[in-house]
Amino acid sequence: MDAIKTAGSVILGIAVFVALAFVCALFILGTATVSEKVLPFLNVATAIGVIFCVVVLLPLSLFRTTRIVSVWGFLIASYVFGVDVWMYGFLVTFDLWGSIGVLFGLFLGVVGIVPLGMIAAALHALWPIVAELAFGMAITYGARMFAFFLAATLDRAAAEAA
């Protein structure tokens, strides 16, 4: 009777492992398919976002009354930039190192896929891709940090007024 319970536990463990592997593979392949379809539109949105940040939001950040618009604009733009660079990093990692590389990058944390894509591209001597991913990370975190800086100046001005 104990042998049957042990065998049943082993079979259940194997079945759970196979099911988890199948779900991971389905997730990775599904994300690759969606990323291939969505990335061209996100690239356009990122280009428009960069232009909008420089032409509209940056001048609005100079004036205290319109600074809140810049804070929210830069923050939202940083998330658009982040999704774009994440999907690009995902596809680079998937194309160069396959689903094992993507799985390793996802185990590093969701953000680990972009640096892993940079490493994969660098090891394959694809320097323009490394530069594009680095620029994507720079505009993502640059816009987010600038939004936080502007928000801090608003908080400081509100504290001085009170």
N, C-alpha and C. Protein backbone atom coordinates (compact mmCIF):
# COMPACT_ATOMS: atom_id res chain seq x y z
N MET A 1 0.82 -1.20 0.00
CA MET A 1 0.00 0.00 0.00
C MET A 1 0.87 1.27 0.00
N ASP A 2 1.97 1.24 0.76
CA ASP A 2 2.87 2.39 0.79
C ASP A 2 3.56 2.59 -0.56
N ALA A 3 3.85 1.49 -1.24
CA ALA A 3 4.49 1.58 -2.54
C ALA A 3 3.55 2.23 -3.55
N ILE A 4 2.26 1.96 -3.44
CA ILE A 4 1.28 2.57 -4.35
C ILE A 4 1.17 4.07 -4.08
N LYS A 5 1.17 4.46 -2.80
CA LYS A 5 1.11 5.89 -2.46
C LYS A 5 2.36 6.61 -2.95
N THR A 6 3.51 5.98 -2.77
CA THR A 6 4.77 6.59 -3.21
C THR A 6 4.79 6.73 -4.72
N ALA A 7 4.37 5.67 -5.42
CA ALA A 7 4.34 5.73 -6.88
C ALA A 7 3.35 6.79 -7.35
N GLY A 8 2.22 6.88 -6.67
CA GLY A 8 1.23 7.90 -7.01
C GLY A 8 1.77 9.30 -6.80
N SER A 9 2.53 9.51 -5.73
CA SER A 9 3.13 10.82 -5.46
C SER A 9 4.18 11.17 -6.51
N VAL A 10 4.96 10.18 -6.90
CA VAL A 10 5.98 10.42 -7.92
C VAL A 10 5.32 10.77 -9.25
N ILE A 11 4.30 10.04 -9.63
CA ILE A 11 3.59 10.31 -10.88
C ILE A 11 2.93 11.68 -10.84
N LEU A 12 2.34 12.03 -9.70
CA LEU A 12 1.73 13.35 -9.55
C LEU A 12 2.79 14.45 -9.66
N GLY A 13 3.94 14.23 -9.04
CA GLY A 13 5.02 15.21 -9.13
C GLY A 13 5.51 15.39 -10.55
N ILE A 14 5.66 14.30 -11.28
CA ILE A 14 6.08 14.38 -12.68
C ILE A 14 5.03 15.09 -13.51
N ALA A 15 3.76 14.78 -13.26
CA ALA A 15 2.68 15.43 -14.01
C ALA A 15 2.64 16.93 -13.74
N VAL A 16 2.85 17.33 -12.51
CA VAL A 16 2.88 18.76 -12.17
C VAL A 16 4.06 19.44 -12.85
N PHE A 17 5.22 18.78 -12.84
CA PHE A 17 6.40 19.34 -13.50
C PHE A 17 6.17 19.50 -15.00
N VAL A 18 5.60 18.50 -15.63
CA VAL A 18 5.32 18.57 -17.07
C VAL A 18 4.31 19.67 -17.36
N ALA A 19 3.28 19.78 -16.51
CA ALA A 19 2.27 20.83 -16.70
C ALA A 19 2.90 22.22 -16.56
N LEU A 20 3.76 22.41 -15.57
CA LEU A 20 4.43 23.70 -15.39
C LEU A 20 5.36 24.00 -16.57
N ALA A 21 6.07 23.01 -17.06
CA ALA A 21 6.93 23.22 -18.22
C ALA A 21 6.10 23.60 -19.44
N PHE A 22 4.95 22.96 -19.61
CA PHE A 22 4.08 23.27 -20.73
C PHE A 22 3.54 24.70 -20.61
N VAL A 23 3.14 25.10 -19.43
CA VAL A 23 2.63 26.46 -19.23
C VAL A 23 3.73 27.49 -19.47
N CYS A 24 4.95 27.21 -19.01
CA CYS A 24 6.07 28.13 -19.25
C CYS A 24 6.36 28.24 -20.74
N ALA A 25 6.38 27.12 -21.44
CA ALA A 25 6.62 27.15 -22.88
C ALA A 25 5.52 27.91 -23.60
N LEU A 26 4.29 27.68 -23.19
CA LEU A 26 3.16 28.38 -23.80
C LEU A 26 3.25 29.88 -23.54
N PHE A 27 3.65 30.26 -22.33
CA PHE A 27 3.82 31.67 -21.99
C PHE A 27 4.92 32.31 -22.84
N ILE A 28 6.05 31.63 -22.96
CA ILE A 28 7.17 32.19 -23.71
C ILE A 28 6.84 32.30 -25.19
N LEU A 29 6.27 31.26 -25.77
CA LEU A 29 5.93 31.31 -27.19
C LEU A 29 4.81 32.31 -27.46
N GLY A 30 3.86 32.39 -26.56
CA GLY A 30 2.78 33.38 -26.72
C GLY A 30 3.29 34.80 -26.62
N THR A 31 4.18 35.04 -25.67
CA THR A 31 4.76 36.37 -25.53
C THR A 31 5.60 36.74 -26.74
N ALA A 32 6.31 35.77 -27.29
CA ALA A 32 7.11 36.04 -28.50
C ALA A 32 6.20 36.40 -29.67
N THR A 33 5.10 35.68 -29.82
CA THR A 33 4.17 35.96 -30.91
C THR A 33 3.54 37.33 -30.76
N VAL A 34 3.09 37.64 -29.55
CA VAL A 34 2.47 38.95 -29.31
C VAL A 34 3.50 40.06 -29.49
N SER A 35 4.71 39.85 -29.00
CA SER A 35 5.74 40.88 -29.12
C SER A 35 6.08 41.17 -30.58
N GLU A 36 6.13 40.14 -31.40
CA GLU A 36 6.41 40.36 -32.83
C GLU A 36 5.33 41.20 -33.49
N LYS A 37 4.09 41.01 -33.07
CA LYS A 37 2.98 41.75 -33.68
C LYS A 37 2.87 43.18 -33.14
N VAL A 38 3.14 43.36 -31.86
CA VAL A 38 2.90 44.65 -31.19
C VAL A 38 4.11 45.58 -31.27
N LEU A 39 5.31 45.03 -31.37
CA LEU A 39 6.52 45.84 -31.31
C LEU A 39 6.59 46.95 -32.36
N PRO A 40 6.19 46.74 -33.60
CA PRO A 40 6.23 47.88 -34.54
C PRO A 40 5.37 49.06 -34.10
N PHE A 41 4.22 48.78 -33.52
CA PHE A 41 3.35 49.86 -33.04
C PHE A 41 3.96 50.54 -31.81
N LEU A 42 4.59 49.76 -30.95
CA LEU A 42 5.25 50.34 -29.78
C LEU A 42 6.46 51.17 -30.17
N ASN A 43 7.16 50.76 -31.22
CA ASN A 43 8.29 51.58 -31.70
C ASN A 43 7.80 52.94 -32.18
N VAL A 44 6.68 52.97 -32.87
CA VAL A 44 6.11 54.25 -33.31
C VAL A 44 5.67 55.07 -32.10
N ALA A 45 5.02 54.41 -31.13
CA ALA A 45 4.58 55.11 -29.92
C ALA A 45 5.77 55.66 -29.15
N THR A 46 6.86 54.93 -29.10
CA THR A 46 8.07 55.41 -28.41
C THR A 46 8.67 56.61 -29.13
N ALA A 47 8.74 56.56 -30.45
CA ALA A 47 9.27 57.70 -31.20
C ALA A 47 8.41 58.94 -30.99
N ILE A 48 7.09 58.77 -31.05
CA ILE A 48 6.19 59.90 -30.79
C ILE A 48 6.34 60.38 -29.36
N GLY A 49 6.50 59.43 -28.43
CA GLY A 49 6.66 59.79 -27.02
C GLY A 49 7.92 60.58 -26.75
N VAL A 50 9.02 60.20 -27.38
CA VAL A 50 10.27 60.94 -27.19
C VAL A 50 10.12 62.36 -27.73
N ILE A 51 9.54 62.48 -28.90
CA ILE A 51 9.34 63.82 -29.49
C ILE A 51 8.41 64.64 -28.61
N PHE A 52 7.32 64.03 -28.11
CA PHE A 52 6.37 64.73 -27.26
C PHE A 52 7.03 65.17 -25.95
N CYS A 53 7.87 64.30 -25.39
CA CYS A 53 8.55 64.66 -24.15
C CYS A 53 9.49 65.85 -24.33
N VAL A 54 10.22 65.86 -25.44
CA VAL A 54 11.18 66.93 -25.67
C VAL A 54 10.49 68.23 -26.07
N VAL A 55 9.50 68.14 -26.95
CA VAL A 55 8.88 69.35 -27.51
C VAL A 55 7.81 69.93 -26.59
N VAL A 56 7.04 69.09 -25.91
CA VAL A 56 5.91 69.59 -25.13
C VAL A 56 6.18 69.53 -23.63
N LEU A 57 6.53 68.35 -23.13
CA LEU A 57 6.62 68.17 -21.68
C LEU A 57 7.83 68.86 -21.05
N LEU A 58 8.94 68.88 -21.75
CA LEU A 58 10.12 69.54 -21.19
C LEU A 58 9.91 71.04 -21.00
N PRO A 59 9.36 71.76 -22.00
CA PRO A 59 9.07 73.18 -21.74
C PRO A 59 7.99 73.38 -20.67
N LEU A 60 7.01 72.49 -20.59
CA LEU A 60 5.98 72.62 -19.55
C LEU A 60 6.56 72.42 -18.15
N SER A 61 7.66 71.69 -18.05
CA SER A 61 8.25 71.45 -16.73
C SER A 61 8.94 72.68 -16.16
N LEU A 62 9.17 73.69 -16.97
CA LEU A 62 9.84 74.90 -16.50
C LEU A 62 8.93 75.76 -15.63
N PHE A 63 7.63 75.67 -15.82
CA PHE A 63 6.68 76.50 -15.09
C PHE A 63 6.00 75.69 -13.99
N ARG A 64 5.94 76.26 -12.80
CA ARG A 64 5.40 75.54 -11.66
C ARG A 64 3.93 75.17 -11.86
N THR A 65 3.16 76.01 -12.52
CA THR A 65 1.73 75.73 -12.66
C THR A 65 1.46 74.57 -13.62
N THR A 66 2.33 74.34 -14.57
CA THR A 66 2.12 73.25 -15.53
C THR A 66 3.03 72.06 -15.27
N ARG A 67 3.77 72.11 -14.18
CA ARG A 67 4.73 71.04 -13.89
C ARG A 67 4.03 69.70 -13.62
N ILE A 68 2.84 69.73 -13.06
CA ILE A 68 2.14 68.47 -12.77
C ILE A 68 1.81 67.72 -14.06
N VAL A 69 1.54 68.46 -15.13
CA VAL A 69 1.29 67.83 -16.43
C VAL A 69 2.56 67.12 -16.90
N SER A 70 3.70 67.76 -16.70
CA SER A 70 4.96 67.14 -17.09
C SER A 70 5.26 65.91 -16.25
N VAL A 71 4.95 65.98 -14.96
CA VAL A 71 5.19 64.82 -14.10
C VAL A 71 4.43 63.61 -14.63
N TRP A 72 3.14 63.77 -14.84
CA TRP A 72 2.32 62.64 -15.32
C TRP A 72 2.70 62.24 -16.74
N GLY A 73 3.02 63.20 -17.58
CA GLY A 73 3.42 62.88 -18.95
C GLY A 73 4.70 62.08 -19.01
N PHE A 74 5.71 62.51 -18.27
CA PHE A 74 6.97 61.77 -18.25
C PHE A 74 6.80 60.38 -17.62
N LEU A 75 5.98 60.29 -16.59
CA LEU A 75 5.76 59.00 -15.94
C LEU A 75 5.07 58.02 -16.88
N ILE A 76 4.02 58.46 -17.55
CA ILE A 76 3.32 57.59 -18.49
C ILE A 76 4.23 57.23 -19.67
N ALA A 77 4.98 58.21 -20.17
CA ALA A 77 5.91 57.94 -21.27
C ALA A 77 6.96 56.91 -20.86
N SER A 78 7.42 56.98 -19.60
CA SER A 78 8.44 56.02 -19.16
C SER A 78 7.90 54.60 -19.20
N TYR A 79 6.62 54.42 -18.90
CA TYR A 79 6.05 53.07 -18.96
C TYR A 79 5.88 52.60 -20.40
N VAL A 80 5.56 53.49 -21.31
CA VAL A 80 5.50 53.13 -22.74
C VAL A 80 6.89 52.74 -23.22
N PHE A 81 7.89 53.54 -22.85
CA PHE A 81 9.27 53.22 -23.22
C PHE A 81 9.69 51.88 -22.62
N GLY A 82 9.30 51.63 -21.38
CA GLY A 82 9.68 50.40 -20.69
C GLY A 82 9.08 49.16 -21.33
N VAL A 83 7.82 49.22 -21.71
CA VAL A 83 7.19 48.08 -22.38
C VAL A 83 7.86 47.83 -23.72
N ASP A 84 8.18 48.89 -24.43
CA ASP A 84 8.83 48.76 -25.73
C ASP A 84 10.19 48.09 -25.59
N VAL A 85 11.02 48.57 -24.69
CA VAL A 85 12.36 48.01 -24.54
C VAL A 85 12.29 46.60 -23.96
N TRP A 86 11.31 46.31 -23.10
CA TRP A 86 11.17 44.96 -22.56
C TRP A 86 10.82 43.97 -23.67
N MET A 87 9.86 44.34 -24.51
CA MET A 87 9.49 43.44 -25.60
C MET A 87 10.64 43.25 -26.58
N TYR A 88 11.38 44.30 -26.86
CA TYR A 88 12.52 44.20 -27.76
C TYR A 88 13.60 43.31 -27.15
N GLY A 89 13.89 43.51 -25.87
CA GLY A 89 14.86 42.66 -25.18
C GLY A 89 14.42 41.21 -25.14
N PHE A 90 13.11 41.00 -24.94
CA PHE A 90 12.57 39.64 -24.95
C PHE A 90 12.80 38.98 -26.29
N LEU A 91 12.49 39.70 -27.38
CA LEU A 91 12.66 39.11 -28.71
C LEU A 91 14.12 38.87 -29.06
N VAL A 92 15.00 39.78 -28.65
CA VAL A 92 16.43 39.58 -28.91
C VAL A 92 16.92 38.35 -28.17
N THR A 93 16.55 38.22 -26.91
CA THR A 93 16.97 37.07 -26.12
C THR A 93 16.39 35.78 -26.70
N PHE A 94 15.12 35.83 -27.09
CA PHE A 94 14.46 34.65 -27.65
C PHE A 94 15.10 34.25 -28.98
N ASP A 95 15.40 35.21 -29.84
CA ASP A 95 16.00 34.89 -31.13
C ASP A 95 17.42 34.37 -31.00
N LEU A 96 18.19 34.91 -30.07
CA LEU A 96 19.59 34.53 -29.97
C LEU A 96 19.83 33.33 -29.06
N TRP A 97 19.09 33.23 -27.96
CA TRP A 97 19.34 32.17 -26.99
C TRP A 97 18.16 31.23 -26.78
N GLY A 98 17.06 31.48 -27.46
CA GLY A 98 15.92 30.57 -27.37
C GLY A 98 15.16 30.70 -26.06
N SER A 99 14.28 29.75 -25.86
CA SER A 99 13.39 29.83 -24.70
C SER A 99 14.13 29.57 -23.39
N ILE A 100 15.25 28.86 -23.43
CA ILE A 100 16.04 28.65 -22.21
C ILE A 100 16.63 29.97 -21.74
N GLY A 101 17.13 30.78 -22.65
CA GLY A 101 17.66 32.09 -22.29
C GLY A 101 16.58 33.00 -21.75
N VAL A 102 15.40 32.95 -22.37
CA VAL A 102 14.28 33.78 -21.89
C VAL A 102 13.86 33.32 -20.50
N LEU A 103 13.79 32.02 -20.30
CA LEU A 103 13.41 31.49 -18.99
C LEU A 103 14.41 31.91 -17.92
N PHE A 104 15.69 31.88 -18.26
CA PHE A 104 16.73 32.33 -17.33
C PHE A 104 16.58 33.82 -17.04
N GLY A 105 16.30 34.61 -18.09
CA GLY A 105 16.10 36.05 -17.90
C GLY A 105 14.89 36.36 -17.06
N LEU A 106 13.84 35.57 -17.21
CA LEU A 106 12.65 35.79 -16.39
C LEU A 106 12.87 35.38 -14.95
N PHE A 107 13.73 34.37 -14.72
CA PHE A 107 14.07 34.01 -13.35
C PHE A 107 14.89 35.09 -12.67
N LEU A 108 15.63 35.88 -13.46
CA LEU A 108 16.37 37.00 -12.90
C LEU A 108 15.44 38.13 -12.47
N GLY A 109 14.21 38.04 -12.83
CA GLY A 109 13.25 39.10 -12.58
C GLY A 109 12.77 39.59 -13.93
N VAL A 110 11.62 40.19 -13.97
CA VAL A 110 11.04 40.61 -15.24
C VAL A 110 11.96 41.58 -15.95
N VAL A 111 12.66 42.42 -15.21
CA VAL A 111 13.54 43.41 -15.84
C VAL A 111 14.85 42.77 -16.30
N GLY A 112 15.15 41.56 -15.87
CA GLY A 112 16.40 40.91 -16.24
C GLY A 112 16.49 40.50 -17.69
N ILE A 113 15.37 40.49 -18.38
CA ILE A 113 15.37 40.07 -19.78
C ILE A 113 16.08 41.08 -20.67
N VAL A 114 16.02 42.36 -20.34
CA VAL A 114 16.66 43.38 -21.18
C VAL A 114 18.18 43.32 -21.04
N PRO A 115 18.76 43.31 -19.84
CA PRO A 115 20.21 43.15 -19.76
C PRO A 115 20.70 41.83 -20.37
N LEU A 116 19.90 40.78 -20.23
CA LEU A 116 20.28 39.51 -20.83
C LEU A 116 20.26 39.60 -22.35
N GLY A 117 19.30 40.34 -22.90
CA GLY A 117 19.29 40.59 -24.34
C GLY A 117 20.50 41.38 -24.79
N MET A 118 20.93 42.33 -23.96
CA MET A 118 22.13 43.10 -24.28
C MET A 118 23.36 42.19 -24.27
N ILE A 119 23.44 41.29 -23.29
CA ILE A 119 24.57 40.37 -23.22
C ILE A 119 24.55 39.42 -24.41
N ALA A 120 23.38 38.90 -24.75
CA ALA A 120 23.28 37.99 -25.90
C ALA A 120 23.68 38.69 -27.19
N ALA A 121 23.21 39.91 -27.37
CA ALA A 121 23.56 40.66 -28.58
C ALA A 121 25.06 40.98 -28.61
N ALA A 122 25.62 41.31 -27.46
CA ALA A 122 27.06 41.63 -27.40
C ALA A 122 27.89 40.39 -27.71
N LEU A 123 27.47 39.22 -27.22
CA LEU A 123 28.22 38.00 -27.49
C LEU A 123 28.13 37.57 -28.95
N HIS A 124 27.09 38.05 -29.63
CA HIS A 124 26.96 37.78 -31.06
C HIS A 124 27.45 38.97 -31.91
N ALA A 125 28.08 39.94 -31.27
CA ALA A 125 28.65 41.13 -31.92
C ALA A 125 27.59 41.93 -32.67
N LEU A 126 26.39 42.02 -32.12
CA LEU A 126 25.31 42.83 -32.69
C LEU A 126 25.26 44.16 -31.93
N TRP A 127 26.24 45.01 -32.18
CA TRP A 127 26.42 46.23 -31.41
C TRP A 127 25.29 47.25 -31.61
N PRO A 128 24.70 47.36 -32.78
CA PRO A 128 23.56 48.29 -32.88
C PRO A 128 22.39 47.88 -31.99
N ILE A 129 22.17 46.59 -31.82
CA ILE A 129 21.09 46.13 -30.95
C ILE A 129 21.43 46.43 -29.49
N VAL A 130 22.69 46.25 -29.12
CA VAL A 130 23.11 46.59 -27.75
C VAL A 130 22.87 48.08 -27.50
N ALA A 131 23.22 48.91 -28.48
CA ALA A 131 23.03 50.36 -28.32
C ALA A 131 21.55 50.71 -28.25
N GLU A 132 20.71 50.05 -29.04
CA GLU A 132 19.27 50.33 -29.00
C GLU A 132 18.67 49.94 -27.65
N LEU A 133 19.07 48.78 -27.12
CA LEU A 133 18.57 48.37 -25.81
C LEU A 133 19.08 49.30 -24.70
N ALA A 134 20.34 49.71 -24.79
CA ALA A 134 20.88 50.64 -23.79
C ALA A 134 20.16 51.99 -23.87
N PHE A 135 19.90 52.47 -25.08
CA PHE A 135 19.17 53.73 -25.23
C PHE A 135 17.76 53.59 -24.70
N GLY A 136 17.12 52.45 -24.96
CA GLY A 136 15.77 52.22 -24.44
C GLY A 136 15.73 52.23 -22.92
N MET A 137 16.72 51.59 -22.30
CA MET A 137 16.78 51.61 -20.84
C MET A 137 17.05 53.02 -20.33
N ALA A 138 17.91 53.76 -21.03
CA ALA A 138 18.24 55.12 -20.60
C ALA A 138 17.01 56.04 -20.67
N ILE A 139 16.25 55.96 -21.76
CA ILE A 139 15.08 56.85 -21.84
C ILE A 139 13.98 56.39 -20.88
N THR A 140 13.89 55.09 -20.64
CA THR A 140 12.88 54.60 -19.69
C THR A 140 13.16 55.13 -18.29
N TYR A 141 14.36 54.86 -17.80
CA TYR A 141 14.68 55.27 -16.44
C TYR A 141 14.95 56.77 -16.35
N GLY A 142 15.42 57.37 -17.42
CA GLY A 142 15.62 58.82 -17.42
C GLY A 142 14.30 59.57 -17.30
N ALA A 143 13.30 59.14 -18.07
CA ALA A 143 11.99 59.80 -18.00
C ALA A 143 11.35 59.57 -16.63
N ARG A 144 11.50 58.37 -16.09
CA ARG A 144 10.91 58.08 -14.78
C ARG A 144 11.59 58.88 -13.67
N MET A 145 12.91 58.95 -13.69
CA MET A 145 13.63 59.72 -12.67
C MET A 145 13.34 61.21 -12.79
N PHE A 146 13.22 61.70 -14.02
CA PHE A 146 12.89 63.11 -14.21
C PHE A 146 11.49 63.40 -13.69
N ALA A 147 10.56 62.48 -13.89
CA ALA A 147 9.20 62.66 -13.35
C ALA A 147 9.24 62.70 -11.82
N PHE A 148 10.03 61.82 -11.21
CA PHE A 148 10.14 61.83 -9.75
C PHE A 148 10.81 63.11 -9.25
N PHE A 149 11.81 63.58 -9.98
CA PHE A 149 12.47 64.83 -9.61
C PHE A 149 11.48 66.00 -9.67
N LEU A 150 10.70 66.07 -10.75
CA LEU A 150 9.71 67.15 -10.87
C LEU A 150 8.66 67.07 -9.77
N ALA A 151 8.24 65.84 -9.44
CA ALA A 151 7.27 65.66 -8.36
C ALA A 151 7.85 66.12 -7.02
N ALA A 152 9.14 65.86 -6.82
CA ALA A 152 9.78 66.30 -5.58
C ALA A 152 9.85 67.82 -5.51
N THR A 153 10.08 68.49 -6.64
CA THR A 153 10.10 69.94 -6.61
C THR A 153 8.71 70.50 -6.31
N LEU A 154 7.68 69.82 -6.80
CA LEU A 154 6.31 70.25 -6.47
C LEU A 154 6.02 70.05 -4.99
N ASP A 155 6.47 68.92 -4.44
CA ASP A 155 6.27 68.68 -3.01
C ASP A 155 7.03 69.69 -2.15
N ARG A 156 8.24 70.02 -2.58
CA ARG A 156 9.05 70.97 -1.84
C ARG A 156 8.39 72.36 -1.88
N ALA A 157 7.85 72.73 -3.06
CA ALA A 157 7.17 74.03 -3.17
C ALA A 157 5.90 74.07 -2.34
N ALA A 158 5.19 72.95 -2.27
CA ALA A 158 3.98 72.89 -1.46
C ALA A 158 4.32 72.96 0.03
N ALA A 159 5.43 72.37 0.42
CA ALA A 159 5.86 72.41 1.83
C ALA A 159 6.30 73.83 2.21
N GLU A 160 6.96 74.51 1.29
CA GLU A 160 7.38 75.88 1.57
C GLU A 160 6.18 76.81 1.67
N ALA A 161 5.16 76.55 0.87
CA ALA A 161 3.97 77.40 0.89
C ALA A 161 3.16 77.20 2.16
N ALA A 162 3.24 76.03 2.73
CA ALA A 162 2.44 75.71 3.93
C ALA A 162 3.06 76.20 5.20
